[in-house]
Protein backbone atom coordinates (compact mmCIF):
# COMPACT_ATOMS: atom_id res chain seq x y z
CA MET A 1 -67.74 36.68 -40.96
CA PRO A 2 -63.99 36.10 -41.54
CA ALA A 3 -62.85 32.64 -42.49
CA LEU A 4 -61.21 30.70 -39.73
CA LEU A 5 -58.10 28.69 -40.69
CA MET A 6 -57.49 25.48 -38.67
CA HIS A 7 -54.39 23.48 -39.08
CA THR A 8 -54.02 19.85 -38.11
CA LEU A 9 -51.80 16.94 -39.12
CA VAL A 10 -53.46 13.78 -40.51
CA ARG A 11 -51.97 10.45 -41.46
CA VAL A 12 -52.25 9.58 -45.18
CA GLN A 13 -50.59 6.34 -46.39
CA SER A 14 -47.91 6.27 -43.63
CA SER A 15 -46.90 9.94 -43.92
CA ILE A 16 -48.04 13.00 -41.97
CA VAL A 17 -49.82 15.53 -44.18
CA PRO A 18 -50.84 18.94 -42.93
CA LEU A 19 -54.52 19.49 -43.43
CA TYR A 20 -55.92 23.03 -43.54
CA ILE A 21 -59.64 23.44 -42.78
CA VAL A 22 -61.22 26.69 -43.78
CA LEU A 23 -64.48 27.25 -41.89
CA ASN A 24 -66.89 29.72 -43.34
CA GLY A 25 -69.78 30.04 -41.02
CA SER A 26 -71.48 26.66 -40.61
CA ARG A 27 -69.90 25.07 -43.70
CA GLY A 28 -66.31 23.88 -43.84
CA THR A 29 -64.14 22.89 -46.68
CA ALA A 30 -60.95 20.83 -46.30
CA ARG A 31 -58.05 20.61 -48.54
CA SER A 32 -54.69 18.91 -48.15
CA MET A 33 -51.53 20.91 -48.67
CA THR A 34 -49.25 18.04 -49.82
CA HIS A 35 -46.73 20.46 -51.32
CA ASP A 36 -46.19 21.83 -47.80
CA THR A 37 -45.24 18.33 -46.60
CA ALA A 38 -41.77 18.56 -48.19
CA LYS A 39 -41.08 21.83 -46.51
CA LEU A 40 -42.41 20.49 -43.17
CA SER A 41 -40.26 17.41 -43.35
CA SER A 42 -37.15 19.14 -44.53
CA GLY A 43 -36.84 21.50 -41.58
CA LEU A 44 -37.72 18.59 -39.11
CA GLY A 45 -35.35 16.21 -40.85
CA LEU A 46 -32.43 18.68 -40.62
CA GLY A 47 -33.02 19.34 -36.95
CA LEU A 48 -33.31 15.62 -36.19
CA SER A 49 -30.11 14.90 -38.19
CA LEU A 50 -28.06 17.58 -36.56
CA GLY A 51 -29.45 16.68 -33.07
CA GLY A 52 -28.65 13.05 -33.70
CA VAL A 53 -25.08 13.72 -34.76
CA ALA A 54 -24.57 15.93 -31.76
CA GLY A 55 -26.15 13.44 -29.38
CA MET A 56 -24.02 10.63 -30.68
CA ILE A 57 -20.81 12.57 -30.36
CA ALA A 58 -21.88 13.59 -26.72
CA VAL A 59 -22.38 10.03 -25.81
CA ILE A 60 -19.08 8.86 -27.28
CA ALA A 61 -17.14 11.76 -25.68
CA SER A 62 -18.86 11.06 -22.31
CA ALA A 63 -18.00 7.30 -22.53
CA TYR A 64 -14.41 8.11 -23.53
CA SER A 65 -13.95 10.62 -20.78
CA SER A 66 -15.38 8.42 -18.07
CA HIS A 67 -13.95 5.00 -19.09
CA ILE A 68 -10.64 5.79 -20.75
CA VAL A 69 -9.27 9.07 -19.61
CA GLY A 70 -10.62 12.15 -17.80
CA SER A 71 -10.08 15.35 -19.69
CA SER A 72 -11.57 18.74 -19.31
CA TYR A 73 -11.46 19.11 -23.16
CA ILE A 74 -13.43 15.92 -23.62
CA ASP A 75 -15.82 16.81 -20.74
CA ILE A 76 -16.48 20.19 -22.40
CA ILE A 77 -17.09 18.53 -25.87
CA ALA A 78 -19.59 16.10 -24.21
CA GLN A 79 -21.44 18.86 -22.42
CA MET A 80 -21.59 21.21 -25.35
CA MET A 81 -22.73 18.46 -27.81
CA MET A 82 -25.43 17.13 -25.41
CA LEU A 83 -26.80 20.61 -24.60
CA HIS A 84 -27.15 21.37 -28.31
CA ALA A 85 -28.59 17.98 -29.44
CA GLY A 86 -31.95 18.78 -27.87
CA ALA A 87 -31.69 22.36 -29.15
CA PHE A 88 -31.24 21.16 -32.71
CA ILE A 89 -34.25 18.98 -32.53
CA ALA A 90 -36.26 21.98 -31.15
CA MET A 91 -34.92 24.32 -33.85
CA GLY A 92 -35.81 21.69 -36.48
CA ILE A 93 -39.34 21.68 -35.13
CA ALA A 94 -39.41 25.47 -35.17
CA VAL A 95 -38.23 25.67 -38.78
CA ALA A 96 -40.82 22.99 -39.79
CA LEU A 97 -43.65 24.85 -38.26
CA THR A 98 -42.70 28.43 -39.00
CA ARG A 99 -40.50 28.04 -42.02
CA SER A 100 -38.36 30.80 -40.59
CA ARG A 101 -35.15 31.36 -42.60
CA PHE A 102 -33.67 33.13 -39.58
CA VAL A 103 -34.04 30.02 -37.41
CA ALA A 104 -32.75 27.73 -40.23
CA LEU A 105 -29.71 29.90 -40.81
CA GLY A 106 -29.16 30.09 -37.04
CA MET A 107 -29.37 26.28 -36.65
CA LEU A 108 -26.70 25.87 -39.29
CA LEU A 109 -24.52 28.58 -37.83
CA VAL A 110 -24.76 27.02 -34.34
CA PHE A 111 -23.91 23.58 -35.75
CA GLY A 112 -20.91 24.91 -37.70
CA GLY A 113 -19.73 26.79 -34.67
CA LEU A 114 -20.25 23.82 -32.49
CA GLY A 115 -18.24 21.58 -34.80
CA LEU A 116 -15.41 24.18 -35.02
CA PHE A 117 -15.30 24.64 -31.29
CA CYS A 118 -15.52 20.90 -30.31
CA GLY A 119 -13.29 19.85 -33.25
CA ASP A 120 -10.52 22.25 -32.13
CA LEU A 121 -10.74 21.06 -28.54
CA ALA A 122 -10.58 17.35 -29.72
CA LEU A 123 -7.55 18.09 -31.98
CA ARG A 124 -5.82 19.78 -29.02
CA PHE A 125 -6.40 16.77 -26.90
CA PHE A 126 -5.61 13.97 -29.37
CA VAL A 127 -2.83 15.71 -31.48
CA GLY A 128 -1.57 18.48 -29.17
CA ARG A 129 -2.19 21.32 -31.56
CA SER A 130 -4.92 23.65 -32.49
CA LEU A 131 -6.94 23.47 -35.82
CA PHE A 132 -5.93 27.04 -36.56
CA LEU A 133 -5.23 30.08 -34.50
CA ASN A 134 -8.31 31.02 -32.36
CA ALA A 135 -10.42 28.17 -33.91
CA ALA A 136 -12.31 27.51 -30.70
CA PRO A 137 -13.19 31.21 -30.01
CA PHE A 138 -14.22 31.59 -33.61
CA GLY A 139 -16.49 28.57 -33.28
CA GLY A 140 -17.94 30.13 -30.09
CA LEU A 141 -18.58 33.34 -32.03
CA LEU A 142 -20.42 31.40 -34.74
CA MET A 143 -22.52 29.81 -32.07
CA ILE A 144 -23.35 33.18 -30.52
CA VAL A 145 -24.24 34.67 -34.04
CA GLY A 146 -26.32 31.52 -34.67
CA TRP A 147 -28.30 31.87 -31.48
CA LEU A 148 -28.82 35.59 -32.32
CA PHE A 149 -30.43 34.49 -35.61
CA VAL A 150 -32.64 32.08 -33.73
CA ALA A 151 -33.64 34.91 -31.42
CA LEU A 152 -34.29 37.25 -34.36
CA GLY A 153 -36.50 34.49 -35.91
CA GLY A 154 -38.55 34.30 -32.76
CA ILE A 155 -38.84 38.07 -32.42
CA ALA A 156 -40.01 38.31 -36.11
CA ARG A 157 -42.48 35.51 -35.48
CA ALA A 158 -43.78 37.28 -32.26
CA PHE A 159 -44.41 40.55 -34.10
CA LYS A 160 -45.64 39.17 -37.41
CA ARG A 161 -48.95 40.62 -38.57
CA ARG A 162 -51.58 37.96 -38.82
């Protein structure tokens, strides 16, 4: 009878530790994979950090746009940042659970593209000039490539042999 691998998270001294339980017939053995905890927390930490930064910028841009001056540039920045804030958290969870390098790279590309895109729009609004020629379209292209990497990570996961 093949061994069954169960995965659960347990709390050990105020930290979450993955616990893998291998069940062989009626007897089960449990062992903690504490070295996996660092990998689990790094992907999740990155997603939460990027999501937190994007969410904070979204709220600031929304408040600025509604209370100080209405601008389509600032509105676009607020929308793009808020939409991606939740996505970064989800991508962080995906990286933590799957350890997919495609998703991790995709998350960083999306964040870089978002920063370039929104940064260029903000500079146009506040200073009146662009960051560099075609900075916003290049940022958009980086976001598209980043989302492609996320999709490829999902496809690779879906067809992974178990």
